[in-house]
Amino acid sequence: MEVDKVKAIFSTDEDGYITGYQQEFWDGKEWQTPFDTTDAVEVAPGDIDTIVMGATKLIDGQFVLDTSKQAELEAEANKVIPTPEQQMINALGLQNAQLAAKVTTLTEKLGGES
């Protein structure tokens, strides 16, 4: 059974961005609301599908997407985290470069060529 509006309740972070929600649902016989509806709002079911968690706010009954916040979340989610092996290789490369610089400095102090 399709409806124009459903009751929903939203969880938000300290900045007001939606981080989760619950909505009423049709169980085949009647509409079920498994939450306290005191602070619930009525929204179009299709509008709920437009929510980007952590980047959408509900302002005056409308979902407002903060595109810069969305880009920030996507960048964080897509950030490449080096494996422990890659971190070790990077550390050894840095250590090698530091040792090479010290050898060059000592060689120059001794009047030789590096």
PDB file of N, CA and C in Angstrom:
ATOM      1  N   MET A   1       0.850  -1.188   0.000  1.00  0.00           N
ATOM      2  CA  MET A   1       0.000   0.000   0.000  1.00  0.00           C
ATOM      3  C   MET A   1       0.885   1.237   0.000  1.00  0.00           C
ATOM      4  N   GLU A   2       0.768   2.040  -1.011  1.00  0.00           N
ATOM      5  CA  GLU A   2       1.596   3.232  -1.147  1.00  0.00           C
ATOM      6  C   GLU A   2       0.896   4.428  -0.504  1.00  0.00           C
ATOM      7  N   VAL A   3       1.702   5.281   0.142  1.00  0.00           N
ATOM      8  CA  VAL A   3       1.161   6.486   0.776  1.00  0.00           C
ATOM      9  C   VAL A   3       1.989   7.685   0.339  1.00  0.00           C
ATOM     10  N   ASP A   4       1.400   8.870   0.513  1.00  0.00           N
ATOM     11  CA  ASP A   4       2.101  10.097   0.156  1.00  0.00           C
ATOM     12  C   ASP A   4       3.132  10.478   1.208  1.00  0.00           C
ATOM     13  N   LYS A   5       2.809  10.232   2.473  1.00  0.00           N
ATOM     14  CA  LYS A   5       3.701  10.623   3.580  1.00  0.00           C
ATOM     15  C   LYS A   5       3.785   9.477   4.585  1.00  0.00           C
ATOM     16  N   VAL A   6       4.967   9.336   5.187  1.00  0.00           N
ATOM     17  CA  VAL A   6       5.150   8.382   6.278  1.00  0.00           C
ATOM     18  C   VAL A   6       5.729   9.130   7.465  1.00  0.00           C
ATOM     19  N   LYS A   7       5.487   8.589   8.662  1.00  0.00           N
ATOM     20  CA  LYS A   7       6.075   9.176   9.855  1.00  0.00           C
ATOM     21  C   LYS A   7       7.506   8.671   9.975  1.00  0.00           C
ATOM     22  N   ALA A   8       8.407   9.592  10.300  1.00  0.00           N
ATOM     23  CA  ALA A   8       9.815   9.229  10.459  1.00  0.00           C
ATOM     24  C   ALA A   8      10.390  10.024  11.621  1.00  0.00           C
ATOM     25  N   ILE A   9      11.372   9.448  12.250  1.00  0.00           N
ATOM     26  CA  ILE A   9      12.093  10.136  13.310  1.00  0.00           C
ATOM     27  C   ILE A   9      13.580  10.024  12.988  1.00  0.00           C
ATOM     28  N   PHE A  10      14.305  11.127  13.193  1.00  0.00           N
ATOM     29  CA  PHE A  10      15.695  11.190  12.756  1.00  0.00           C
ATOM     30  C   PHE A  10      16.649  11.343  13.929  1.00  0.00           C
ATOM     31  N   SER A  11      17.802  10.683  13.825  1.00  0.00           N
ATOM     32  CA  SER A  11      18.913  10.890  14.751  1.00  0.00           C
ATOM     33  C   SER A  11      19.850  11.865  14.061  1.00  0.00           C
ATOM     34  N   THR A  12      20.390  12.828  14.834  1.00  0.00           N
ATOM     35  CA  THR A  12      21.297  13.804  14.249  1.00  0.00           C
ATOM     36  C   THR A  12      22.556  13.931  15.090  1.00  0.00           C
ATOM     37  N   ASP A  13      23.610  14.437  14.460  1.00  0.00           N
ATOM     38  CA  ASP A  13      24.836  14.702  15.212  1.00  0.00           C
ATOM     39  C   ASP A  13      24.746  16.097  15.826  1.00  0.00           C
ATOM     40  N   GLU A  14      25.824  16.535  16.469  1.00  0.00           N
ATOM     41  CA  GLU A  14      25.817  17.826  17.163  1.00  0.00           C
ATOM     42  C   GLU A  14      25.633  19.011  16.214  1.00  0.00           C
ATOM     43  N   ASP A  15      25.880  18.819  14.921  1.00  0.00           N
ATOM     44  CA  ASP A  15      25.715  19.892  13.940  1.00  0.00           C
ATOM     45  C   ASP A  15      24.358  19.841  13.243  1.00  0.00           C
ATOM     46  N   GLY A  16      23.531  18.855  13.591  1.00  0.00           N
ATOM     47  CA  GLY A  16      22.200  18.746  13.000  1.00  0.00           C
ATOM     48  C   GLY A  16      22.118  17.892  11.753  1.00  0.00           C
ATOM     49  N   TYR A  17      23.230  17.267  11.363  1.00  0.00           N
ATOM     50  CA  TYR A  17      23.206  16.390  10.189  1.00  0.00           C
ATOM     51  C   TYR A  17      22.564  15.054  10.564  1.00  0.00           C
ATOM     52  N   ILE A  18      21.742  14.528   9.683  1.00  0.00           N
ATOM     53  CA  ILE A  18      21.058  13.262   9.923  1.00  0.00           C
ATOM     54  C   ILE A  18      22.074  12.122   9.912  1.00  0.00           C
ATOM     55  N   THR A  19      22.038  11.313  10.972  1.00  0.00           N
ATOM     56  CA  THR A  19      22.945  10.173  11.065  1.00  0.00           C
ATOM     57  C   THR A  19      22.195   8.844  11.061  1.00  0.00           C
ATOM     58  N   GLY A  20      20.867   8.905  11.139  1.00  0.00           N
ATOM     59  CA  GLY A  20      20.062   7.694  11.109  1.00  0.00           C
ATOM     60  C   GLY A  20      18.588   8.059  11.184  1.00  0.00           C
ATOM     61  N   TYR A  21      17.735   7.092  10.912  1.00  0.00           N
ATOM     62  CA  TYR A  21      16.304   7.352  10.994  1.00  0.00           C
ATOM     63  C   TYR A  21      15.539   6.044  11.138  1.00  0.00           C
ATOM     64  N   GLN A  22      14.303   6.185  11.593  1.00  0.00           N
ATOM     65  CA  GLN A  22      13.348   5.087  11.600  1.00  0.00           C
ATOM     66  C   GLN A  22      12.095   5.627  10.929  1.00  0.00           C
ATOM     67  N   GLN A  23      11.401   4.757  10.235  1.00  0.00           N
ATOM     68  CA  GLN A  23      10.159   5.195   9.611  1.00  0.00           C
ATOM     69  C   GLN A  23       9.103   4.119   9.802  1.00  0.00           C
ATOM     70  N   GLU A  24       7.860   4.553   9.764  1.00  0.00           N
ATOM     71  CA  GLU A  24       6.783   3.581   9.876  1.00  0.00           C
ATOM     72  C   GLU A  24       6.771   2.708   8.617  1.00  0.00           C
ATOM     73  N   PHE A  25       6.200   1.538   8.748  1.00  0.00           N
ATOM     74  CA  PHE A  25       6.182   0.622   7.604  1.00  0.00           C
ATOM     75  C   PHE A  25       4.857  -0.141   7.558  1.00  0.00           C
ATOM     76  N   TRP A  26       4.531  -0.599   6.377  1.00  0.00           N
ATOM     77  CA  TRP A  26       3.320  -1.388   6.132  1.00  0.00           C
ATOM     78  C   TRP A  26       3.666  -2.854   6.323  1.00  0.00           C
ATOM     79  N   ASP A  27       2.999  -3.523   7.248  1.00  0.00           N
ATOM     80  CA  ASP A  27       3.311  -4.934   7.515  1.00  0.00           C
ATOM     81  C   ASP A  27       2.442  -5.890   6.707  1.00  0.00           C
ATOM     82  N   GLY A  28       1.688  -5.359   5.750  1.00  0.00           N
ATOM     83  CA  GLY A  28       0.804  -6.185   4.943  1.00  0.00           C
ATOM     84  C   GLY A  28      -0.640  -6.066   5.379  1.00  0.00           C
ATOM     85  N   LYS A  29      -0.842  -5.604   6.620  1.00  0.00           N
ATOM     86  CA  LYS A  29      -2.205  -5.441   7.141  1.00  0.00           C
ATOM     87  C   LYS A  29      -2.451  -4.017   7.613  1.00  0.00           C
ATOM     88  N   GLU A  30      -1.433  -3.431   8.273  1.00  0.00           N
ATOM     89  CA  GLU A  30      -1.596  -2.071   8.782  1.00  0.00           C
ATOM     90  C   GLU A  30      -0.232  -1.400   8.928  1.00  0.00           C
ATOM     91  N   TRP A  31      -0.253  -0.079   9.100  1.00  0.00           N
ATOM     92  CA  TRP A  31       0.978   0.678   9.269  1.00  0.00           C
ATOM     93  C   TRP A  31       1.503   0.475  10.672  1.00  0.00           C
ATOM     94  N   GLN A  32       2.793   0.204  10.769  1.00  0.00           N
ATOM     95  CA  GLN A  32       3.451  -0.034  12.053  1.00  0.00           C
ATOM     96  C   GLN A  32       4.440   1.092  12.328  1.00  0.00           C
ATOM     97  N   THR A  33       4.439   1.574  13.549  1.00  0.00           N
ATOM     98  CA  THR A  33       5.366   2.627  13.954  1.00  0.00           C
ATOM     99  C   THR A  33       6.111   2.125  15.189  1.00  0.00           C
ATOM    100  N   PRO A  34       7.301   1.532  15.016  1.00  0.00           N
ATOM    101  CA  PRO A  34       8.025   0.909  16.129  1.00  0.00           C
ATOM    102  C   PRO A  34       8.848   1.899  16.958  1.00  0.00           C
ATOM    103  N   PHE A  35       8.388   3.150  17.050  1.00  0.00           N
ATOM    104  CA  PHE A  35       9.111   4.157  17.823  1.00  0.00           C
ATOM    105  C   PHE A  35       8.106   5.159  18.366  1.00  0.00           C
ATOM    106  N   ASP A  36       8.530   5.936  19.359  1.00  0.00           N
ATOM    107  CA  ASP A  36       7.709   6.996  19.932  1.00  0.00           C
ATOM    108  C   ASP A  36       7.531   8.079  18.871  1.00  0.00           C
ATOM    109  N   THR A  37       6.310   8.386  18.523  1.00  0.00           N
ATOM    110  CA  THR A  37       6.040   9.331  17.439  1.00  0.00           C
ATOM    111  C   THR A  37       5.941  10.787  17.903  1.00  0.00           C
ATOM    112  N   THR A  38       6.275  11.048  19.162  1.00  0.00           N
ATOM    113  CA  THR A  38       6.178  12.416  19.694  1.00  0.00           C
ATOM    114  C   THR A  38       6.937  13.414  18.830  1.00  0.00           C
ATOM    115  N   ASP A  39       8.176  13.095  18.441  1.00  0.00           N
ATOM    116  CA  ASP A  39       8.997  14.012  17.649  1.00  0.00           C
ATOM    117  C   ASP A  39       9.056  13.620  16.172  1.00  0.00           C
ATOM    118  N   ALA A  40       8.167  12.730  15.765  1.00  0.00           N
ATOM    119  CA  ALA A  40       8.177  12.267  14.374  1.00  0.00           C
ATOM    120  C   ALA A  40       7.658  13.360  13.443  1.00  0.00           C
ATOM    121  N   VAL A  41       8.122  13.303  12.210  1.00  0.00           N
ATOM    122  CA  VAL A  41       7.650  14.219  11.169  1.00  0.00           C
ATOM    123  C   VAL A  41       7.121  13.375  10.019  1.00  0.00           C
ATOM    124  N   GLU A  42       6.265  13.964   9.221  1.00  0.00           N
ATOM    125  CA  GLU A  42       5.758  13.265   8.047  1.00  0.00           C
ATOM    126  C   GLU A  42       6.562  13.702   6.831  1.00  0.00           C
ATOM    127  N   VAL A  43       7.064  12.720   6.108  1.00  0.00           N
ATOM    128  CA  VAL A  43       7.871  12.998   4.913  1.00  0.00           C
ATOM    129  C   VAL A  43       7.471  12.035   3.804  1.00  0.00           C
ATOM    130  N   ALA A  44       7.747  12.435   2.588  1.00  0.00           N
ATOM    131  CA  ALA A  44       7.482  11.559   1.441  1.00  0.00           C
ATOM    132  C   ALA A  44       8.497  10.420   1.454  1.00  0.00           C
ATOM    133  N   PRO A  45       8.041   9.191   1.260  1.00  0.00           N
ATOM    134  CA  PRO A  45       8.971   8.055   1.272  1.00  0.00           C
ATOM    135  C   PRO A  45      10.138   8.223   0.306  1.00  0.00           C
ATOM    136  N   GLY A  46       9.900   8.766  -0.874  1.00  0.00           N
ATOM    137  CA  GLY A  46      10.970   8.969  -1.853  1.00  0.00           C
ATOM    138  C   GLY A  46      12.000   9.977  -1.384  1.00  0.00           C
ATOM    139  N   ASP A  47      11.562  10.952  -0.581  1.00  0.00           N
ATOM    140  CA  ASP A  47      12.499  11.955  -0.073  1.00  0.00           C
ATOM    141  C   ASP A  47      13.512  11.332   0.882  1.00  0.00           C
ATOM    142  N   ILE A  48      13.083  10.323   1.620  1.00  0.00           N
ATOM    143  CA  ILE A  48      13.996   9.654   2.549  1.00  0.00           C
ATOM    144  C   ILE A  48      15.167   9.038   1.795  1.00  0.00           C
ATOM    145  N   ASP A  49      14.894   8.572   0.575  1.00  0.00           N
ATOM    146  CA  ASP A  49      15.949   7.959  -0.235  1.00  0.00           C
ATOM    147  C   ASP A  49      17.027   8.960  -0.662  1.00  0.00           C
ATOM    148  N   THR A  50      16.747  10.250  -0.545  1.00  0.00           N
ATOM    149  CA  THR A  50      17.720  11.269  -0.955  1.00  0.00           C
ATOM    150  C   THR A  50      18.683  11.656   0.168  1.00  0.00           C
ATOM    151  N   ILE A  51      18.458  11.137   1.359  1.00  0.00           N
ATOM    152  CA  ILE A  51      19.301  11.503   2.505  1.00  0.00           C
ATOM    153  C   ILE A  51      20.716  10.969   2.306  1.00  0.00           C
ATOM    154  N   VAL A  52      21.696  11.827   2.517  1.00  0.00           N
ATOM    155  CA  VAL A  52      23.099  11.416   2.567  1.00  0.00           C
ATOM    156  C   VAL A  52      23.482  11.506   4.040  1.00  0.00           C
ATOM    157  N   MET A  53      23.682  10.353   4.655  1.00  0.00           N
ATOM    158  CA  MET A  53      23.974  10.325   6.091  1.00  0.00           C
ATOM    159  C   MET A  53      25.188  11.196   6.409  1.00  0.00           C
ATOM    160  N   GLY A  54      25.016  12.080   7.374  1.00  0.00           N
ATOM    161  CA  GLY A  54      26.108  12.941   7.801  1.00  0.00           C
ATOM    162  C   GLY A  54      26.254  14.215   6.996  1.00  0.00           C
ATOM    163  N   ALA A  55      25.429  14.385   5.932  1.00  0.00           N
ATOM    164  CA  ALA A  55      25.539  15.582   5.098  1.00  0.00           C
ATOM    165  C   ALA A  55      24.182  16.216   4.790  1.00  0.00           C
ATOM    166  N   THR A  56      23.101  15.620   5.306  1.00  0.00           N
ATOM    167  CA  THR A  56      21.761  16.137   5.061  1.00  0.00           C
ATOM    168  C   THR A  56      21.142  16.587   6.368  1.00  0.00           C
ATOM    169  N   LYS A  57      20.454  17.729   6.312  1.00  0.00           N
ATOM    170  CA  LYS A  57      19.714  18.241   7.463  1.00  0.00           C
ATOM    171  C   LYS A  57      18.240  18.339   7.078  1.00  0.00           C
ATOM    172  N   LEU A  58      17.374  18.255   8.089  1.00  0.00           N
ATOM    173  CA  LEU A  58      15.950  18.489   7.883  1.00  0.00           C
ATOM    174  C   LEU A  58      15.670  19.898   8.384  1.00  0.00           C
ATOM    175  N   ILE A  59      15.371  20.803   7.458  1.00  0.00           N
ATOM    176  CA  ILE A  59      15.135  22.206   7.798  1.00  0.00           C
ATOM    177  C   ILE A  59      13.750  22.593   7.311  1.00  0.00           C
ATOM    178  N   ASP A  60      12.896  22.980   8.237  1.00  0.00           N
ATOM    179  CA  ASP A  60      11.519  23.379   7.919  1.00  0.00           C
ATOM    180  C   ASP A  60      10.805  22.337   7.056  1.00  0.00           C
ATOM    181  N   GLY A  61      10.990  21.055   7.415  1.00  0.00           N
ATOM    182  CA  GLY A  61      10.318  19.969   6.713  1.00  0.00           C
ATOM    183  C   GLY A  61      10.929  19.578   5.383  1.00  0.00           C
ATOM    184  N   GLN A  62      12.057  20.191   5.020  1.00  0.00           N
ATOM    185  CA  GLN A  62      12.726  19.886   3.755  1.00  0.00           C
ATOM    186  C   GLN A  62      14.113  19.316   4.018  1.00  0.00           C
ATOM    187  N   PHE A  63      14.511  18.342   3.225  1.00  0.00           N
ATOM    188  CA  PHE A  63      15.859  17.809   3.325  1.00  0.00           C
ATOM    189  C   PHE A  63      16.803  18.725   2.561  1.00  0.00           C
ATOM    190  N   VAL A  64      17.867  19.155   3.235  1.00  0.00           N
ATOM    191  CA  VAL A  64      18.837  20.058   2.628  1.00  0.00           C
ATOM    192  C   VAL A  64      20.193  19.361   2.654  1.00  0.00           C
ATOM    193  N   LEU A  65      20.748  19.154   1.470  1.00  0.00           N
ATOM    194  CA  LEU A  65      22.042  18.482   1.338  1.00  0.00           C
ATOM    195  C   LEU A  65      23.158  19.518   1.325  1.00  0.00           C
ATOM    196  N   ASP A  66      24.121  19.344   2.212  1.00  0.00           N
ATOM    197  CA  ASP A  66      25.328  20.189   2.254  1.00  0.00           C
ATOM    198  C   ASP A  66      26.359  19.502   1.361  1.00  0.00           C
ATOM    199  N   THR A  67      26.506  20.007   0.134  1.00  0.00           N
ATOM    200  CA  THR A  67      27.373  19.330  -0.841  1.00  0.00           C
ATOM    201  C   THR A  67      28.843  19.368  -0.434  1.00  0.00           C
ATOM    202  N   SER A  68      29.279  20.419   0.267  1.00  0.00           N
ATOM    203  CA  SER A  68      30.680  20.454   0.704  1.00  0.00           C
ATOM    204  C   SER A  68      30.913  19.415   1.799  1.00  0.00           C
ATOM    205  N   LYS A  69      29.935  19.217   2.677  1.00  0.00           N
ATOM    206  CA  LYS A  69      30.043  18.185   3.714  1.00  0.00           C
ATOM    207  C   LYS A  69      30.023  16.798   3.073  1.00  0.00           C
ATOM    208  N   GLN A  70      29.179  16.636   2.036  1.00  0.00           N
ATOM    209  CA  GLN A  70      29.122  15.365   1.316  1.00  0.00           C
ATOM    210  C   GLN A  70      30.481  15.056   0.684  1.00  0.00           C
ATOM    211  N   ALA A  71      31.108  16.056   0.044  1.00  0.00           N
ATOM    212  CA  ALA A  71      32.410  15.856  -0.583  1.00  0.00           C
ATOM    213  C   ALA A  71      33.458  15.504   0.462  1.00  0.00           C
ATOM    214  N   GLU A  72      33.382  16.155   1.628  1.00  0.00           N
ATOM    215  CA  GLU A  72      34.325  15.867   2.715  1.00  0.00           C
ATOM    216  C   GLU A  72      34.169  14.419   3.191  1.00  0.00           C
ATOM    217  N   LEU A  73      32.931  13.958   3.346  1.00  0.00           N
ATOM    218  CA  LEU A  73      32.681  12.577   3.775  1.00  0.00           C
ATOM    219  C   LEU A  73      33.153  11.574   2.726  1.00  0.00           C
ATOM    220  N   GLU A  74      32.913  11.893   1.444  1.00  0.00           N
ATOM    221  CA  GLU A  74      33.347  10.993   0.372  1.00  0.00           C
ATOM    222  C   GLU A  74      34.866  10.930   0.291  1.00  0.00           C
ATOM    223  N   ALA A  75      35.521  12.072   0.481  1.00  0.00           N
ATOM    224  CA  ALA A  75      36.987  12.092   0.455  1.00  0.00           C
ATOM    225  C   ALA A  75      37.547  11.247   1.596  1.00  0.00           C
ATOM    226  N   GLU A  76      36.936  11.363   2.762  1.00  0.00           N
ATOM    227  CA  GLU A  76      37.391  10.576   3.915  1.00  0.00           C
ATOM    228  C   GLU A  76      37.163   9.088   3.669  1.00  0.00           C
ATOM    229  N   ALA A  77      36.012   8.754   3.089  1.00  0.00           N
ATOM    230  CA  ALA A  77      35.689   7.349   2.823  1.00  0.00           C
ATOM    231  C   ALA A  77      36.602   6.752   1.764  1.00  0.00           C
ATOM    232  N   ASN A  78      37.067   7.575   0.823  1.00  0.00           N
ATOM    233  CA  ASN A  78      37.908   7.085  -0.273  1.00  0.00           C
ATOM    234  C   ASN A  78      39.400   7.239  -0.002  1.00  0.00           C
ATOM    235  N   LYS A  79      39.734   7.743   1.180  1.00  0.00           N
ATOM    236  CA  LYS A  79      41.136   7.963   1.513  1.00  0.00           C
ATOM    237  C   LYS A  79      41.877   6.624   1.546  1.00  0.00           C
ATOM    238  N   VAL A  80      43.027   6.615   0.918  1.00  0.00           N
ATOM    239  CA  VAL A  80      43.832   5.394   0.876  1.00  0.00           C
ATOM    240  C   VAL A  80      44.619   5.298   2.184  1.00  0.00           C
ATOM    241  N   ILE A  81      44.430   4.199   2.875  1.00  0.00           N
ATOM    242  CA  ILE A  81      45.159   3.962   4.117  1.00  0.00           C
ATOM    243  C   ILE A  81      46.248   2.935   3.815  1.00  0.00           C
ATOM    244  N   PRO A  82      47.512   3.347   3.985  1.00  0.00           N
ATOM    245  CA  PRO A  82      48.590   2.403   3.669  1.00  0.00           C
ATOM    246  C   PRO A  82      48.553   1.171   4.581  1.00  0.00           C
ATOM    247  N   THR A  83      48.918   0.043   3.997  1.00  0.00           N
ATOM    248  CA  THR A  83      48.997  -1.189   4.782  1.00  0.00           C
ATOM    249  C   THR A  83      50.188  -1.080   5.726  1.00  0.00           C
ATOM    250  N   PRO A  84      50.250  -1.919   6.741  1.00  0.00           N
ATOM    251  CA  PRO A  84      51.417  -1.898   7.629  1.00  0.00           C
ATOM    252  C   PRO A  84      52.731  -2.085   6.866  1.00  0.00           C
ATOM    253  N   GLU A  85      52.709  -2.917   5.833  1.00  0.00           N
ATOM    254  CA  GLU A  85      53.913  -3.136   5.032  1.00  0.00           C
ATOM    255  C   GLU A  85      54.321  -1.860   4.304  1.00  0.00           C
ATOM    256  N   GLN A  86      53.329  -1.154   3.733  1.00  0.00           N
ATOM    257  CA  GLN A  86      53.624   0.097   3.037  1.00  0.00           C
ATOM    258  C   GLN A  86      54.159   1.151   4.018  1.00  0.00           C
ATOM    259  N   GLN A  87      53.587   1.177   5.220  1.00  0.00           N
ATOM    260  CA  GLN A  87      54.062   2.117   6.234  1.00  0.00           C
ATOM    261  C   GLN A  87      55.519   1.815   6.606  1.00  0.00           C
ATOM    262  N   MET A  88      55.862   0.527   6.720  1.00  0.00           N
ATOM    263  CA  MET A  88      57.226   0.134   7.058  1.00  0.00           C
ATOM    264  C   MET A  88      58.192   0.515   5.930  1.00  0.00           C
ATOM    265  N   ILE A  89      57.785   0.279   4.679  1.00  0.00           N
ATOM    266  CA  ILE A  89      58.624   0.641   3.530  1.00  0.00           C
ATOM    267  C   ILE A  89      58.846   2.152   3.508  1.00  0.00           C
ATOM    268  N   ASN A  90      57.774   2.926   3.757  1.00  0.00           N
ATOM    269  CA  ASN A  90      57.903   4.388   3.790  1.00  0.00           C
ATOM    270  C   ASN A  90      58.852   4.834   4.897  1.00  0.00           C
ATOM    271  N   ALA A  91      58.744   4.216   6.067  1.00  0.00           N
ATOM    272  CA  ALA A  91      59.612   4.570   7.194  1.00  0.00           C
ATOM    273  C   ALA A  91      61.065   4.227   6.870  1.00  0.00           C
ATOM    274  N   LEU A  92      61.291   3.065   6.254  1.00  0.00           N
ATOM    275  CA  LEU A  92      62.654   2.676   5.891  1.00  0.00           C
ATOM    276  C   LEU A  92      63.220   3.592   4.810  1.00  0.00           C
ATOM    277  N   GLY A  93      62.371   4.005   3.873  1.00  0.00           N
ATOM    278  CA  GLY A  93      62.813   4.935   2.832  1.00  0.00           C
ATOM    279  C   GLY A  93      63.222   6.275   3.441  1.00  0.00           C
ATOM    280  N   LEU A  94      62.438   6.765   4.401  1.00  0.00           N
ATOM    281  CA  LEU A  94      62.767   8.016   5.079  1.00  0.00           C
ATOM    282  C   LEU A  94      64.070   7.864   5.861  1.00  0.00           C
ATOM    283  N   GLN A  95      64.188   6.756   6.566  1.00  0.00           N
ATOM    284  CA  GLN A  95      65.412   6.505   7.341  1.00  0.00           C
ATOM    285  C   GLN A  95      66.630   6.435   6.408  1.00  0.00           C
ATOM    286  N   ASN A  96      66.483   5.799   5.277  1.00  0.00           N
ATOM    287  CA  ASN A  96      67.561   5.696   4.301  1.00  0.00           C
ATOM    288  C   ASN A  96      67.954   7.087   3.783  1.00  0.00           C
ATOM    289  N   ALA A  97      66.970   7.925   3.492  1.00  0.00           N
ATOM    290  CA  ALA A  97      67.250   9.276   3.003  1.00  0.00           C
ATOM    291  C   ALA A  97      67.970  10.099   4.071  1.00  0.00           C
ATOM    292  N   GLN A  98      67.556   9.932   5.340  1.00  0.00           N
ATOM    293  CA  GLN A  98      68.208  10.656   6.430  1.00  0.00           C
ATOM    294  C   GLN A  98      69.665  10.212   6.589  1.00  0.00           C
ATOM    295  N   LEU A  99      69.894   8.891   6.483  1.00  0.00           N
ATOM    296  CA  LEU A  99      71.269   8.370   6.586  1.00  0.00           C
ATOM    297  C   LEU A  99      72.129   8.857   5.417  1.00  0.00           C
ATOM    298  N   ALA A 100      71.563   8.882   4.215  1.00  0.00           N
ATOM    299  CA  ALA A 100      72.293   9.351   3.041  1.00  0.00           C
ATOM    300  C   ALA A 100      72.677  10.815   3.214  1.00  0.00           C
ATOM    301  N   ALA A 101      71.771  11.626   3.771  1.00  0.00           N
ATOM    302  CA  ALA A 101      72.070  13.040   4.000  1.00  0.00           C
ATOM    303  C   ALA A 101      73.198  13.198   5.015  1.00  0.00           C
ATOM    304  N   LYS A 102      73.196  12.360   6.054  1.00  0.00           N
ATOM    305  CA  LYS A 102      74.264  12.418   7.057  1.00  0.00           C
ATOM    306  C   LYS A 102      75.610  12.018   6.449  1.00  0.00           C
ATOM    307  N   VAL A 103      75.602  10.989   5.609  1.00  0.00           N
ATOM    308  CA  VAL A 103      76.837  10.558   4.947  1.00  0.00           C
ATOM    309  C   VAL A 103      77.371  11.678   4.057  1.00  0.00           C
ATOM    310  N   THR A 104      76.484  12.330   3.326  1.00  0.00           N
ATOM    311  CA  THR A 104      76.885  13.444   2.460  1.00  0.00           C
ATOM    312  C   THR A 104      77.501  14.560   3.293  1.00  0.00           C
ATOM    313  N   THR A 105      76.876  14.911   4.404  1.00  0.00           N
ATOM    314  CA  THR A 105      77.378  15.977   5.284  1.00  0.00           C
ATOM    315  C   THR A 105      78.739  15.608   5.842  1.00  0.00           C
ATOM    316  N   LEU A 106      78.894  14.392   6.322  1.00  0.00           N
ATOM    317  CA  LEU A 106      80.181  13.959   6.889  1.00  0.00           C
ATOM    318  C   LEU A 106      81.272  13.935   5.811  1.00  0.00           C
ATOM    319  N   THR A 107      80.925  13.458   4.616  1.00  0.00           N
ATOM    320  CA  THR A 107      81.885  13.399   3.525  1.00  0.00           C
ATOM    321  C   THR A 107      82.363  14.787   3.153  1.00  0.00           C
ATOM    322  N   GLU A 108      81.407  15.737   3.089  1.00  0.00           N
ATOM    323  CA  GLU A 108      81.783  17.129   2.763  1.00  0.00           C
ATOM    324  C   GLU A 108      82.675  17.719   3.844  1.00  0.00           C
ATOM    325  N   LYS A 109      82.399  17.417   5.126  1.00  0.00           N
ATOM    326  CA  LYS A 109      83.214  17.927   6.235  1.00  0.00           C
ATOM    327  C   LYS A 109      84.635  17.366   6.144  1.00  0.00           C
ATOM    328  N   LEU A 110      84.758  16.140   5.651  1.00  0.00           N
ATOM    329  CA  LEU A 110      86.071  15.512   5.551  1.00  0.00           C
ATOM    330  C   LEU A 110      86.793  15.894   4.257  1.00  0.00           C
ATOM    331  N   GLY A 111      86.101  16.688   3.416  1.00  0.00           N
ATOM    332  CA  GLY A 111      86.707  17.176   2.194  1.00  0.00           C
ATOM    333  C   GLY A 111      86.632  16.221   1.040  1.00  0.00           C
ATOM    334  N   GLY A 112      85.825  15.239   1.131  1.00  0.00           N
ATOM    335  CA  GLY A 112      85.714  14.278   0.043  1.00  0.00           C
ATOM    336  C   GLY A 112      84.478  14.529  -0.793  1.00  0.00           C
ATOM    337  N   GLU A 113      84.249  13.616  -1.708  1.00  0.00           N
ATOM    338  CA  GLU A 113      83.046  13.682  -2.533  1.00  0.00           C
ATOM    339  C   GLU A 113      82.114  12.578  -2.086  1.00  0.00           C
ATOM    340  N   SER A 114      80.825  12.896  -2.143  1.00  0.00           N
ATOM    341  CA  SER A 114      79.851  11.889  -1.739  1.00  0.00           C
ATOM    342  C   SER A 114      79.378  11.085  -2.917  1.00  0.00           C
TER     343      SER A 114
END
